[in-house]
Amino acid sequence: MAGCFGKGLAGVLVLLGGLGLAPGVAEAQMPTRIGTCVATTITRIGTRFSDTLVKPKGDGTGDGTSVDLKNGVYGISYAYIEAIGRSRVGDRVLTCLVALPTGCPKGDDRGKTYTTTNLRTLDSWTLPDSQHMCGGA
């Protein structure tokens, strides 16, 4: 799936046609190179602190958003992510590695960034895999 960027949603959907996304298909591993994408499913949607995503009221502050994918990709944000709020556990997604951290201390690999597209809603989001980048808190 390398090179799926720049083709837009139509290009991604054409590429997905050859993935055989039938029930029972083994889940792909995490993408490890920038620009590579894999198909997987959502296993958990919540906030930074709980397993239940809650849309903030009033001033818009809340507990943020977190999402786990079956292939091990994790995304987190201090903000409420509407696209994740419209998603469901079990939804099939396409997740692409879009950035890797640089200059990190040995053993600290936090800061990978993934763009994920929900194949049911066609909503996308881009999130890092940690609240703090490598070398941070």
N, C-alpha and C. Protein backbone atom coordinates (compact mmCIF):
# COMPACT_ATOMS: atom_id res chain seq x y z
N MET A 1 0.82 -1.19 0.00
CA MET A 1 0.00 0.00 0.00
C MET A 1 0.86 1.25 0.00
N ALA A 2 2.14 1.09 -0.11
CA ALA A 2 3.00 2.27 -0.15
C ALA A 2 2.57 3.16 -1.30
N GLY A 3 2.65 4.45 -1.07
CA GLY A 3 2.30 5.39 -2.12
C GLY A 3 0.82 5.68 -2.21
N CYS A 4 0.03 5.33 -1.20
CA CYS A 4 -1.41 5.60 -1.28
C CYS A 4 -1.71 7.07 -1.05
N PHE A 5 -0.73 7.84 -0.52
CA PHE A 5 -0.96 9.26 -0.31
C PHE A 5 -0.96 9.98 -1.64
N GLY A 6 -1.75 11.02 -1.74
CA GLY A 6 -1.80 11.82 -2.95
C GLY A 6 -2.79 11.28 -3.97
N LYS A 7 -3.34 10.12 -3.75
CA LYS A 7 -4.31 9.57 -4.68
C LYS A 7 -5.73 9.87 -4.25
N GLY A 8 -5.88 10.43 -3.05
CA GLY A 8 -7.19 10.75 -2.54
C GLY A 8 -7.95 9.49 -2.15
N LEU A 9 -9.16 9.70 -1.66
CA LEU A 9 -9.98 8.59 -1.18
C LEU A 9 -10.29 7.60 -2.28
N ALA A 10 -10.51 8.06 -3.48
CA ALA A 10 -10.80 7.13 -4.59
C ALA A 10 -9.64 6.18 -4.80
N GLY A 11 -8.41 6.69 -4.75
CA GLY A 11 -7.24 5.84 -4.91
C GLY A 11 -7.10 4.84 -3.79
N VAL A 12 -7.39 5.27 -2.56
CA VAL A 12 -7.32 4.36 -1.43
C VAL A 12 -8.36 3.25 -1.58
N LEU A 13 -9.57 3.60 -1.99
CA LEU A 13 -10.61 2.59 -2.15
C LEU A 13 -10.28 1.61 -3.26
N VAL A 14 -9.64 2.07 -4.33
CA VAL A 14 -9.21 1.16 -5.39
C VAL A 14 -8.16 0.20 -4.84
N LEU A 15 -7.21 0.73 -4.07
CA LEU A 15 -6.19 -0.13 -3.48
C LEU A 15 -6.80 -1.15 -2.53
N LEU A 16 -7.85 -0.75 -1.81
CA LEU A 16 -8.49 -1.66 -0.87
C LEU A 16 -9.20 -2.81 -1.57
N GLY A 17 -9.60 -2.60 -2.79
CA GLY A 17 -10.30 -3.65 -3.53
C GLY A 17 -9.48 -4.92 -3.61
N GLY A 18 -8.17 -4.82 -3.61
CA GLY A 18 -7.31 -5.99 -3.71
C GLY A 18 -6.89 -6.56 -2.37
N LEU A 19 -7.39 -6.04 -1.26
CA LEU A 19 -6.96 -6.50 0.05
C LEU A 19 -7.72 -7.72 0.55
N GLY A 20 -8.83 -8.06 -0.07
CA GLY A 20 -9.59 -9.20 0.41
C GLY A 20 -10.07 -9.02 1.83
N LEU A 21 -10.76 -7.95 2.12
CA LEU A 21 -11.18 -7.65 3.48
C LEU A 21 -12.41 -8.46 3.88
N ALA A 22 -12.34 -9.74 3.74
CA ALA A 22 -13.45 -10.61 4.12
C ALA A 22 -13.35 -10.95 5.60
N PRO A 23 -14.50 -11.27 6.23
CA PRO A 23 -14.46 -11.66 7.64
C PRO A 23 -13.50 -12.83 7.84
N GLY A 24 -12.79 -12.82 8.95
CA GLY A 24 -11.89 -13.91 9.29
C GLY A 24 -10.49 -13.77 8.72
N VAL A 25 -10.24 -12.72 7.93
CA VAL A 25 -8.91 -12.52 7.35
C VAL A 25 -7.96 -12.12 8.49
N ALA A 26 -6.77 -12.68 8.49
CA ALA A 26 -5.78 -12.34 9.52
C ALA A 26 -5.47 -10.85 9.47
N GLU A 27 -5.30 -10.26 10.64
CA GLU A 27 -5.01 -8.84 10.72
C GLU A 27 -3.56 -8.56 10.32
N ALA A 28 -3.36 -7.45 9.66
CA ALA A 28 -2.01 -7.02 9.27
C ALA A 28 -1.27 -6.52 10.50
N GLN A 29 0.03 -6.47 10.40
CA GLN A 29 0.87 -5.92 11.46
C GLN A 29 0.87 -4.39 11.37
N MET A 30 1.48 -3.75 12.34
CA MET A 30 1.62 -2.29 12.30
C MET A 30 2.45 -1.89 11.09
N PRO A 31 2.09 -0.79 10.43
CA PRO A 31 2.99 -0.30 9.38
C PRO A 31 4.28 0.21 10.03
N THR A 32 5.41 -0.05 9.41
CA THR A 32 6.69 0.32 10.01
C THR A 32 7.49 1.32 9.19
N ARG A 33 7.08 1.56 7.94
CA ARG A 33 7.76 2.54 7.10
C ARG A 33 6.79 3.66 6.75
N ILE A 34 7.27 4.89 6.74
CA ILE A 34 6.42 6.02 6.38
C ILE A 34 5.82 5.77 5.00
N GLY A 35 4.53 6.00 4.89
CA GLY A 35 3.83 5.83 3.62
C GLY A 35 3.23 4.45 3.43
N THR A 36 3.47 3.53 4.36
CA THR A 36 2.85 2.20 4.24
C THR A 36 1.54 2.19 5.02
N CYS A 37 0.60 1.43 4.51
CA CYS A 37 -0.74 1.36 5.09
C CYS A 37 -1.14 -0.10 5.25
N VAL A 38 -1.95 -0.37 6.28
CA VAL A 38 -2.45 -1.72 6.50
C VAL A 38 -3.92 -1.65 6.90
N ALA A 39 -4.64 -2.73 6.60
CA ALA A 39 -6.03 -2.85 7.00
C ALA A 39 -6.10 -3.55 8.34
N THR A 40 -6.98 -3.08 9.22
CA THR A 40 -7.18 -3.68 10.53
C THR A 40 -8.57 -3.28 11.04
N THR A 41 -8.85 -3.49 12.31
CA THR A 41 -10.14 -3.11 12.88
C THR A 41 -9.94 -2.36 14.19
N ILE A 42 -10.96 -1.59 14.57
CA ILE A 42 -10.96 -0.87 15.85
C ILE A 42 -11.33 -1.85 16.96
N THR A 43 -10.53 -1.88 18.03
CA THR A 43 -10.83 -2.76 19.16
C THR A 43 -11.30 -2.01 20.40
N ARG A 44 -10.98 -0.71 20.49
CA ARG A 44 -11.41 0.07 21.65
C ARG A 44 -11.45 1.54 21.28
N ILE A 45 -12.46 2.23 21.79
CA ILE A 45 -12.59 3.68 21.61
C ILE A 45 -12.87 4.25 22.99
N GLY A 46 -12.10 5.25 23.39
CA GLY A 46 -12.30 5.83 24.71
C GLY A 46 -11.72 7.22 24.80
N THR A 47 -11.53 7.66 26.05
CA THR A 47 -10.84 8.92 26.31
C THR A 47 -9.42 8.59 26.75
N ARG A 48 -8.68 9.60 27.15
CA ARG A 48 -7.33 9.37 27.66
C ARG A 48 -7.36 8.61 28.98
N PHE A 49 -8.54 8.62 29.66
CA PHE A 49 -8.63 8.05 31.00
C PHE A 49 -9.61 6.89 31.14
N SER A 50 -10.46 6.65 30.14
CA SER A 50 -11.47 5.61 30.30
C SER A 50 -11.75 4.91 28.97
N ASP A 51 -12.50 3.84 29.05
CA ASP A 51 -12.86 3.07 27.87
C ASP A 51 -14.17 3.53 27.23
N THR A 52 -14.67 4.68 27.65
CA THR A 52 -15.89 5.23 27.07
C THR A 52 -15.61 6.64 26.55
N LEU A 53 -15.79 6.84 25.25
CA LEU A 53 -15.58 8.16 24.66
C LEU A 53 -16.78 9.04 24.95
N VAL A 54 -16.53 10.20 25.51
CA VAL A 54 -17.59 11.14 25.88
C VAL A 54 -17.35 12.44 25.15
N LYS A 55 -18.38 12.89 24.40
CA LYS A 55 -18.27 14.18 23.70
C LYS A 55 -18.39 15.30 24.74
N PRO A 56 -17.45 16.25 24.72
CA PRO A 56 -17.50 17.33 25.72
C PRO A 56 -18.70 18.24 25.52
N LYS A 57 -19.15 18.81 26.62
CA LYS A 57 -20.28 19.75 26.59
C LYS A 57 -19.79 21.14 26.96
N GLY A 58 -20.58 22.12 26.68
CA GLY A 58 -20.28 23.48 27.10
C GLY A 58 -19.04 24.05 26.45
N ASP A 59 -17.98 24.24 27.25
CA ASP A 59 -16.78 24.91 26.76
C ASP A 59 -15.93 24.04 25.83
N GLY A 60 -16.30 22.78 25.64
CA GLY A 60 -15.60 21.92 24.70
C GLY A 60 -14.39 21.21 25.28
N THR A 61 -14.05 21.49 26.55
CA THR A 61 -12.95 20.73 27.15
C THR A 61 -13.47 19.39 27.60
N GLY A 62 -12.62 18.42 27.56
CA GLY A 62 -13.01 17.08 27.97
C GLY A 62 -11.79 16.25 28.26
N ASP A 63 -11.97 14.94 28.21
CA ASP A 63 -10.89 14.02 28.54
C ASP A 63 -10.13 13.52 27.32
N GLY A 64 -10.36 14.13 26.17
CA GLY A 64 -9.64 13.74 24.97
C GLY A 64 -10.19 12.47 24.35
N THR A 65 -9.39 11.86 23.48
CA THR A 65 -9.80 10.70 22.70
C THR A 65 -8.65 9.72 22.62
N SER A 66 -8.98 8.43 22.68
CA SER A 66 -7.98 7.40 22.40
C SER A 66 -8.64 6.29 21.60
N VAL A 67 -7.84 5.60 20.79
CA VAL A 67 -8.37 4.52 19.96
C VAL A 67 -7.29 3.44 19.84
N ASP A 68 -7.71 2.18 19.98
CA ASP A 68 -6.82 1.03 19.81
C ASP A 68 -7.26 0.26 18.57
N LEU A 69 -6.27 -0.16 17.78
CA LEU A 69 -6.54 -0.99 16.61
C LEU A 69 -6.04 -2.41 16.87
N LYS A 70 -6.64 -3.37 16.23
CA LYS A 70 -6.31 -4.77 16.46
C LYS A 70 -4.85 -5.09 16.16
N ASN A 71 -4.24 -4.36 15.26
CA ASN A 71 -2.84 -4.63 14.90
C ASN A 71 -1.84 -3.98 15.87
N GLY A 72 -2.32 -3.36 16.94
CA GLY A 72 -1.44 -2.76 17.93
C GLY A 72 -1.25 -1.27 17.81
N VAL A 73 -1.73 -0.66 16.76
CA VAL A 73 -1.61 0.80 16.63
C VAL A 73 -2.53 1.45 17.67
N TYR A 74 -2.00 2.48 18.32
CA TYR A 74 -2.73 3.23 19.34
C TYR A 74 -2.66 4.69 18.96
N GLY A 75 -3.76 5.41 19.11
CA GLY A 75 -3.78 6.84 18.85
C GLY A 75 -4.39 7.57 20.03
N ILE A 76 -3.88 8.78 20.30
CA ILE A 76 -4.37 9.53 21.46
C ILE A 76 -4.33 11.02 21.17
N SER A 77 -5.29 11.75 21.77
CA SER A 77 -5.37 13.20 21.60
C SER A 77 -5.93 13.82 22.87
N TYR A 78 -5.49 15.04 23.17
CA TYR A 78 -6.09 15.80 24.26
C TYR A 78 -7.47 16.32 23.87
N ALA A 79 -7.78 16.34 22.58
CA ALA A 79 -9.05 16.86 22.08
C ALA A 79 -10.04 15.72 21.78
N TYR A 80 -11.31 16.06 21.71
CA TYR A 80 -12.32 15.12 21.25
C TYR A 80 -12.22 15.07 19.73
N ILE A 81 -12.09 13.87 19.17
CA ILE A 81 -11.96 13.69 17.72
C ILE A 81 -13.30 13.19 17.18
N GLU A 82 -14.00 14.06 16.48
CA GLU A 82 -15.34 13.77 15.96
C GLU A 82 -15.36 12.51 15.10
N ALA A 83 -14.35 12.33 14.25
CA ALA A 83 -14.32 11.16 13.36
C ALA A 83 -14.25 9.86 14.15
N ILE A 84 -13.55 9.86 15.27
CA ILE A 84 -13.49 8.68 16.12
C ILE A 84 -14.82 8.52 16.86
N GLY A 85 -15.43 9.62 17.23
CA GLY A 85 -16.74 9.57 17.88
C GLY A 85 -17.81 8.93 17.00
N ARG A 86 -17.65 9.03 15.69
CA ARG A 86 -18.62 8.41 14.76
C ARG A 86 -18.26 6.95 14.44
N SER A 87 -17.12 6.51 14.94
CA SER A 87 -16.65 5.14 14.68
C SER A 87 -17.21 4.18 15.73
N ARG A 88 -17.08 2.88 15.44
CA ARG A 88 -17.55 1.83 16.35
C ARG A 88 -16.47 0.77 16.49
N VAL A 89 -16.44 0.14 17.65
CA VAL A 89 -15.57 -1.02 17.82
C VAL A 89 -15.98 -2.05 16.77
N GLY A 90 -15.01 -2.63 16.11
CA GLY A 90 -15.27 -3.61 15.04
C GLY A 90 -15.23 -3.01 13.64
N ASP A 91 -15.27 -1.67 13.53
CA ASP A 91 -15.18 -1.05 12.21
C ASP A 91 -13.83 -1.38 11.58
N ARG A 92 -13.85 -1.64 10.29
CA ARG A 92 -12.61 -1.85 9.54
C ARG A 92 -12.02 -0.50 9.19
N VAL A 93 -10.70 -0.44 9.29
CA VAL A 93 -9.99 0.80 9.02
C VAL A 93 -8.74 0.52 8.20
N LEU A 94 -8.25 1.57 7.58
CA LEU A 94 -6.96 1.55 6.90
C LEU A 94 -6.09 2.53 7.67
N THR A 95 -4.97 2.06 8.19
CA THR A 95 -4.09 2.94 8.96
C THR A 95 -2.72 3.02 8.29
N CYS A 96 -2.21 4.25 8.20
CA CYS A 96 -0.97 4.52 7.48
C CYS A 96 0.00 5.25 8.40
N LEU A 97 1.25 4.81 8.41
CA LEU A 97 2.29 5.51 9.16
C LEU A 97 2.68 6.75 8.36
N VAL A 98 2.55 7.93 8.98
CA VAL A 98 2.83 9.16 8.25
C VAL A 98 4.03 9.93 8.79
N ALA A 99 4.49 9.62 10.02
CA ALA A 99 5.66 10.31 10.56
C ALA A 99 6.32 9.47 11.64
N LEU A 100 7.65 9.56 11.69
CA LEU A 100 8.44 8.91 12.73
C LEU A 100 9.21 9.98 13.48
N PRO A 101 9.36 9.83 14.80
CA PRO A 101 10.14 10.81 15.54
C PRO A 101 11.63 10.69 15.21
N THR A 102 12.36 11.76 15.43
CA THR A 102 13.81 11.73 15.20
C THR A 102 14.52 12.25 16.45
N GLY A 103 15.77 11.86 16.60
CA GLY A 103 16.58 12.34 17.72
C GLY A 103 16.11 11.83 19.07
N CYS A 104 15.54 10.66 19.11
CA CYS A 104 14.98 10.12 20.35
C CYS A 104 16.06 9.43 21.19
N PRO A 105 15.91 9.47 22.52
CA PRO A 105 16.81 8.70 23.37
C PRO A 105 16.65 7.20 23.06
N LYS A 106 17.73 6.45 23.26
CA LYS A 106 17.70 5.01 23.00
C LYS A 106 16.56 4.36 23.79
N GLY A 107 15.77 3.54 23.10
CA GLY A 107 14.67 2.82 23.73
C GLY A 107 13.37 3.59 23.84
N ASP A 108 13.36 4.86 23.49
CA ASP A 108 12.15 5.68 23.56
C ASP A 108 11.63 5.89 22.14
N ASP A 109 10.64 5.09 21.75
CA ASP A 109 10.13 5.16 20.38
C ASP A 109 8.77 5.84 20.28
N ARG A 110 8.40 6.61 21.31
CA ARG A 110 7.12 7.33 21.27
C ARG A 110 7.15 8.41 20.19
N GLY A 111 5.98 8.68 19.63
CA GLY A 111 5.88 9.78 18.69
C GLY A 111 5.60 9.39 17.25
N LYS A 112 5.35 8.12 17.01
CA LYS A 112 4.94 7.72 15.65
C LYS A 112 3.54 8.30 15.40
N THR A 113 3.30 8.76 14.19
CA THR A 113 2.01 9.36 13.85
C THR A 113 1.36 8.55 12.73
N TYR A 114 0.08 8.26 12.91
CA TYR A 114 -0.68 7.45 11.95
C TYR A 114 -1.91 8.22 11.48
N THR A 115 -2.22 8.09 10.20
CA THR A 115 -3.50 8.56 9.67
C THR A 115 -4.35 7.31 9.45
N THR A 116 -5.55 7.34 9.99
CA THR A 116 -6.45 6.19 9.91
C THR A 116 -7.75 6.61 9.25
N THR A 117 -8.25 5.79 8.34
CA THR A 117 -9.53 6.03 7.68
C THR A 117 -10.48 4.91 8.03
N ASN A 118 -11.64 5.27 8.56
CA ASN A 118 -12.68 4.30 8.86
C ASN A 118 -13.37 3.95 7.53
N LEU A 119 -13.40 2.68 7.18
CA LEU A 119 -13.94 2.26 5.89
C LEU A 119 -15.47 2.21 5.87
N ARG A 120 -16.10 2.32 7.03
CA ARG A 120 -17.56 2.39 7.08
C ARG A 120 -18.03 3.84 6.92
N THR A 121 -17.39 4.76 7.66
CA THR A 121 -17.83 6.16 7.64
C THR A 121 -17.06 7.00 6.62
N LEU A 122 -15.89 6.52 6.21
CA LEU A 122 -14.95 7.24 5.34
C LEU A 122 -14.37 8.48 6.00
N ASP A 123 -14.50 8.58 7.34
CA ASP A 123 -13.85 9.64 8.12
C ASP A 123 -12.40 9.26 8.37
N SER A 124 -11.54 10.25 8.44
CA SER A 124 -10.12 10.02 8.73
C SER A 124 -9.68 10.88 9.90
N TRP A 125 -8.62 10.41 10.59
CA TRP A 125 -8.00 11.18 11.66
C TRP A 125 -6.50 10.89 11.65
N THR A 126 -5.74 11.83 12.16
CA THR A 126 -4.29 11.67 12.28
C THR A 126 -3.93 11.90 13.74
N LEU A 127 -3.29 10.88 14.35
CA LEU A 127 -2.95 10.95 15.76
C LEU A 127 -1.58 10.34 16.03
N PRO A 128 -0.89 10.86 17.05
CA PRO A 128 0.35 10.21 17.50
C PRO A 128 0.01 9.01 18.38
N ASP A 129 1.02 8.19 18.66
CA ASP A 129 0.83 7.00 19.48
C ASP A 129 1.10 7.25 20.96
N SER A 130 1.33 8.51 21.34
CA SER A 130 1.62 8.83 22.72
C SER A 130 1.22 10.28 23.01
N GLN A 131 0.86 10.55 24.25
CA GLN A 131 0.53 11.92 24.62
C GLN A 131 1.77 12.82 24.58
N HIS A 132 2.95 12.21 24.70
CA HIS A 132 4.20 12.95 24.70
C HIS A 132 5.13 12.33 23.67
N MET A 133 5.88 13.17 22.97
CA MET A 133 6.83 12.67 21.99
C MET A 133 8.06 12.12 22.71
N CYS A 134 8.87 11.38 21.99
CA CYS A 134 10.05 10.79 22.60
C CYS A 134 10.90 11.86 23.28
N GLY A 135 11.50 11.48 24.39
CA GLY A 135 12.31 12.41 25.14
C GLY A 135 11.51 13.35 26.03
N GLY A 136 10.16 13.30 25.90
CA GLY A 136 9.30 14.19 26.70
C GLY A 136 8.88 13.54 28.00
N ALA A 137 7.91 14.17 28.64
CA ALA A 137 7.41 13.72 29.94
C ALA A 137 6.94 12.28 29.92
